[in-house]
Amino acid sequence: MNKFSFLLLCLCTGASTFAQTVTVKSKSEKINGASSEGYATTLEGKKIDVNTAWNKFLKDIGKVKNPGGIITITEPAVGATVYPKGILYASIEGNDENATIWLGLNKEEWIVNDIEIVTKEIEKLVYRFGVKFYRDQIQKQIDEAQRASDAVDRQKQRLTNQNKDLVNKLSNNELQKIELEKSLEANKLDHFVLLQKIANNNNSQDSVANAGVQIKKVVELHKERQRKVN
């Protein structure tokens, strides 16, 4: 059961009693030499994990290209509207502890009437991704904990079945013990009776042998008498 204790320790270590909060802040980035306005959020987690989720999330927005590390999203679907000529930019930086993702646009590349609407939607997208990332990470922990719980249940059932089998074997063993004890008592009695019969037989043999000797003497006497007849 030590491995289950270790597994429980690992699961408890990875769990947090505090809710993770997504905080989105406005942030400017230099894209192709021009300033782009957007929003960023820093998430707890390894950069490689955040990056995988981030790229997948962006592919649902539009056509994703990644030249030189700056991600370009063309024909983005922002809110309920698809912008065929629109371009969004995204980036990610971080380490093994946390990662910061950013999503924004170059106002010079957009129609003035669309900028404010799209910018608000960008903030929502960044927030939505942060919430989704945390929930997905927690779901992985839930799945892992559930697998561990299922493994414990299977082990518990196996031990329960094993216990039933052992109890049945013990019951059969006790019955066999009783039968063997009865057989042993019967064997002791048979042993005593046989010894007595052997002793009686030996005594009978001695009596018969003595009788045989006496009879032979009588026979010899009769023969001797017969010889003396004249």
Protein backbone atom coordinates (compact mmCIF):
# COMPACT_ATOMS: atom_id res chain seq x y z
CA MET A 1 0.00 0.00 0.00
CA ASN A 2 3.06 2.30 0.18
CA LYS A 3 2.72 3.19 -3.50
CA PHE A 4 -0.83 4.44 -2.90
CA SER A 5 0.38 6.60 0.00
CA PHE A 6 3.05 8.09 -2.28
CA LEU A 7 0.49 8.67 -5.03
CA LEU A 8 -1.83 10.40 -2.55
CA LEU A 9 1.03 12.64 -1.45
CA CYS A 10 1.76 13.60 -5.07
CA LEU A 11 -1.89 14.37 -5.77
CA CYS A 12 -2.22 16.48 -2.64
CA THR A 13 1.00 18.32 -3.45
CA GLY A 14 -0.31 19.27 -6.90
CA ALA A 15 -3.67 20.46 -5.56
CA SER A 16 -4.28 24.01 -4.44
CA THR A 17 -7.00 25.23 -2.12
CA PHE A 18 -6.78 28.72 -3.62
CA ALA A 19 -8.68 29.63 -6.77
CA GLN A 20 -6.46 30.84 -9.62
CA THR A 21 -7.45 34.25 -10.89
CA VAL A 22 -6.90 35.52 -14.42
CA THR A 23 -5.80 39.15 -14.56
CA VAL A 24 -5.69 40.84 -17.97
CA LYS A 25 -3.68 44.02 -18.54
CA SER A 26 -3.24 46.24 -21.56
CA LYS A 27 0.19 45.96 -23.11
CA SER A 28 1.97 47.30 -26.20
CA GLU A 29 4.36 45.25 -28.32
CA LYS A 30 6.67 46.14 -31.19
CA ILE A 31 5.62 44.10 -34.20
CA ASN A 32 7.58 44.59 -37.43
CA GLY A 33 8.88 47.86 -36.06
CA ALA A 34 5.41 49.24 -35.37
CA SER A 35 3.61 49.55 -32.04
CA SER A 36 0.72 47.16 -31.57
CA GLU A 37 -1.85 47.52 -28.81
CA GLY A 38 -3.28 44.55 -27.03
CA TYR A 39 -3.74 42.66 -23.79
CA ALA A 40 -1.64 40.18 -21.86
CA THR A 41 -1.99 37.85 -18.91
CA THR A 42 0.54 35.86 -16.93
CA LEU A 43 -0.40 32.29 -16.12
CA GLU A 44 1.05 29.79 -13.67
CA GLY A 45 2.46 26.85 -15.59
CA LYS A 46 5.31 25.75 -17.80
CA LYS A 47 5.79 27.80 -20.95
CA ILE A 48 5.69 24.67 -23.12
CA ASP A 49 2.26 23.72 -21.73
CA VAL A 50 0.86 27.24 -22.06
CA ASN A 51 2.29 27.55 -25.59
CA THR A 52 0.63 24.31 -26.74
CA ALA A 53 -2.74 25.44 -25.39
CA TRP A 54 -2.26 28.99 -26.73
CA ASN A 55 -1.55 27.84 -30.29
CA LYS A 56 -4.56 25.53 -30.23
CA PHE A 57 -6.75 28.36 -28.94
CA LEU A 58 -5.56 30.77 -31.63
CA LYS A 59 -6.28 28.27 -34.42
CA ASP A 60 -9.95 28.51 -33.47
CA ILE A 61 -9.77 32.28 -34.08
CA GLY A 62 -8.25 32.33 -37.55
CA LYS A 63 -5.38 31.23 -39.78
CA VAL A 64 -2.23 31.00 -37.68
CA LYS A 65 1.30 31.61 -38.93
CA ASN A 66 4.41 31.84 -36.81
CA PRO A 67 7.26 33.60 -38.63
CA GLY A 68 10.16 34.48 -36.35
CA GLY A 69 8.30 33.72 -33.13
CA ILE A 70 5.61 36.39 -33.54
CA ILE A 71 2.32 34.65 -34.27
CA THR A 72 0.15 36.13 -37.01
CA ILE A 73 -3.58 35.42 -37.19
CA THR A 74 -5.29 36.34 -40.43
CA GLU A 75 -9.01 36.38 -41.17
CA PRO A 76 -9.76 36.39 -37.42
CA ALA A 77 -13.21 35.62 -36.03
CA VAL A 78 -13.57 38.11 -33.21
CA GLY A 79 -16.82 38.13 -31.30
CA ALA A 80 -19.52 37.18 -33.78
CA THR A 81 -17.74 38.76 -36.74
CA VAL A 82 -15.14 37.46 -39.17
CA TYR A 83 -12.71 40.10 -40.47
CA PRO A 84 -11.39 38.84 -43.84
CA LYS A 85 -8.72 41.54 -44.03
CA GLY A 86 -8.00 41.77 -40.32
CA ILE A 87 -4.69 40.76 -38.74
CA LEU A 88 -4.02 39.94 -35.10
CA TYR A 89 -0.64 39.30 -33.51
CA ALA A 90 0.20 37.06 -30.59
CA SER A 91 3.25 36.12 -28.58
CA ILE A 92 4.32 34.11 -25.55
CA GLU A 93 7.29 34.29 -23.20
CA GLY A 94 8.07 32.54 -19.95
CA ASN A 95 9.85 29.70 -18.18
CA ASP A 96 9.09 26.53 -16.23
CA GLU A 97 7.09 28.42 -13.61
CA ASN A 98 4.89 30.83 -15.56
CA ALA A 99 4.21 32.24 -19.01
CA THR A 100 2.83 35.49 -20.34
CA ILE A 101 0.65 35.45 -23.44
CA TRP A 102 -0.21 38.55 -25.45
CA LEU A 103 -2.75 39.25 -28.19
CA GLY A 104 -3.09 42.53 -30.02
CA LEU A 105 -3.34 44.49 -33.26
CA ASN A 106 -1.71 47.29 -35.18
CA LYS A 107 -4.31 50.03 -35.39
CA GLU A 108 -2.84 51.19 -38.70
CA GLU A 109 -3.92 47.92 -40.29
CA TRP A 110 -7.56 48.17 -39.22
CA ILE A 111 -10.59 50.22 -40.16
CA VAL A 112 -11.09 52.89 -37.53
CA ASN A 113 -14.69 51.85 -36.78
CA ASP A 114 -13.58 48.29 -36.02
CA ILE A 115 -10.65 49.05 -33.71
CA GLU A 116 -12.55 49.70 -30.49
CA ILE A 117 -14.88 46.71 -30.97
CA VAL A 118 -12.04 44.33 -31.83
CA THR A 119 -9.82 45.64 -29.02
CA LYS A 120 -12.54 44.90 -26.44
CA GLU A 121 -12.99 41.44 -27.91
CA ILE A 122 -9.23 40.86 -27.72
CA GLU A 123 -9.33 41.56 -23.99
CA LYS A 124 -12.17 39.02 -23.66
CA LEU A 125 -10.25 36.45 -25.72
CA VAL A 126 -7.15 36.76 -23.54
CA TYR A 127 -9.27 36.42 -20.41
CA ARG A 128 -11.21 33.50 -21.87
CA PHE A 129 -7.99 31.70 -22.74
CA GLY A 130 -6.61 32.19 -19.24
CA VAL A 131 -9.75 30.76 -17.66
CA LYS A 132 -9.81 27.87 -20.13
CA PHE A 133 -6.14 27.06 -19.52
CA TYR A 134 -6.57 26.90 -15.75
CA ARG A 135 -9.75 24.87 -16.01
CA ASP A 136 -8.12 22.44 -18.45
CA GLN A 137 -5.10 22.05 -16.15
CA ILE A 138 -7.37 21.40 -13.19
CA GLN A 139 -9.36 18.92 -15.30
CA LYS A 140 -6.12 17.03 -15.93
CA GLN A 141 -5.58 16.87 -12.18
CA ILE A 142 -9.18 15.72 -11.72
CA ASP A 143 -8.68 13.00 -14.34
CA GLU A 144 -5.42 11.93 -12.72
CA ALA A 145 -7.02 11.86 -9.28
CA GLN A 146 -9.99 9.91 -10.68
CA ARG A 147 -7.64 7.35 -12.25
CA ALA A 148 -5.91 7.03 -8.90
CA SER A 149 -9.29 6.67 -7.17
CA ASP A 150 -10.31 3.96 -9.65
CA ALA A 151 -7.02 2.16 -9.07
CA VAL A 152 -7.59 2.27 -5.30
CA ASP A 153 -11.16 0.98 -5.75
CA ARG A 154 -9.88 -1.89 -7.92
CA GLN A 155 -7.21 -2.71 -5.34
CA LYS A 156 -9.79 -2.51 -2.55
CA GLN A 157 -12.11 -4.88 -4.44
CA ARG A 158 -9.21 -7.24 -5.13
CA LEU A 159 -8.29 -7.30 -1.44
CA THR A 160 -11.95 -7.80 -0.48
CA ASN A 161 -12.23 -10.77 -2.85
CA GLN A 162 -8.90 -12.08 -1.60
CA ASN A 163 -10.13 -11.81 1.99
CA LYS A 164 -13.30 -13.75 1.15
CA ASP A 165 -11.18 -16.45 -0.48
CA LEU A 166 -8.87 -16.62 2.54
CA VAL A 167 -11.84 -16.83 4.94
CA ASN A 168 -13.30 -19.71 2.89
CA LYS A 169 -9.94 -21.49 2.87
CA LEU A 170 -9.62 -21.00 6.64
CA SER A 171 -13.11 -22.43 7.16
CA ASN A 172 -12.26 -25.48 5.02
CA ASN A 173 -8.97 -25.84 6.87
CA GLU A 174 -10.76 -25.83 10.24
CA LEU A 175 -13.20 -28.48 9.00
CA GLN A 176 -10.29 -30.58 7.76
CA LYS A 177 -8.59 -30.12 11.13
CA ILE A 178 -11.69 -31.42 12.92
CA GLU A 179 -11.90 -34.44 10.59
CA LEU A 180 -8.20 -35.13 11.03
CA GLU A 181 -8.50 -34.91 14.81
CA LYS A 182 -11.41 -37.37 14.67
CA SER A 183 -9.37 -39.66 12.41
CA LEU A 184 -6.42 -39.40 14.80
CA GLU A 185 -8.59 -40.43 17.76
CA ALA A 186 -10.00 -43.32 15.74
CA ASN A 187 -6.46 -44.26 14.73
CA LYS A 188 -5.35 -44.28 18.38
CA LEU A 189 -8.26 -46.59 19.28
CA ASP A 190 -7.52 -48.89 16.34
CA HIS A 191 -3.87 -48.94 17.39
CA PHE A 192 -4.81 -49.99 20.95
CA VAL A 193 -7.22 -52.67 19.73
CA LEU A 194 -4.67 -54.09 17.32
CA LEU A 195 -2.01 -54.24 20.02
CA GLN A 196 -4.46 -56.06 22.28
CA LYS A 197 -5.39 -58.51 19.53
CA ILE A 198 -1.74 -59.19 18.82
CA ALA A 199 -1.12 -59.85 22.53
CA ASN A 200 -4.14 -62.14 22.67
CA ASN A 201 -2.97 -63.93 19.54
CA ASN A 202 0.50 -64.43 21.01
CA ASN A 203 -1.04 -65.86 24.20
CA SER A 204 -3.26 -68.14 22.14
CA GLN A 205 -0.23 -69.31 20.14
CA ASP A 206 1.59 -70.13 23.37
CA SER A 207 -1.44 -72.06 24.71
CA VAL A 208 -1.82 -74.00 21.48
CA ALA A 209 1.89 -74.77 21.39
CA ASN A 210 1.79 -76.08 24.98
CA ALA A 211 -1.30 -78.15 24.19
CA GLY A 212 0.46 -79.54 21.14
CA VAL A 213 3.44 -80.64 23.23
CA GLN A 214 1.17 -82.35 25.77
CA ILE A 215 -0.81 -84.12 23.05
CA LYS A 216 2.37 -85.34 21.41
CA LYS A 217 3.46 -86.77 24.79
CA VAL A 218 0.11 -88.58 25.08
CA VAL A 219 0.55 -89.95 21.55
CA GLU A 220 4.01 -91.24 22.44
CA LEU A 221 2.63 -92.87 25.58
CA HIS A 222 -0.07 -94.63 23.60
CA LYS A 223 2.47 -95.81 21.04
CA GLU A 224 4.69 -97.06 23.84
CA ARG A 225 1.77 -99.00 25.32
CA GLN A 226 0.99 -100.37 21.89
CA ARG A 227 4.51 -101.69 21.48
CA LYS A 228 4.32 -103.49 24.82
CA VAL A 229 1.29 -105.50 23.81
CA ASN A 230 2.35 -109.20 23.22
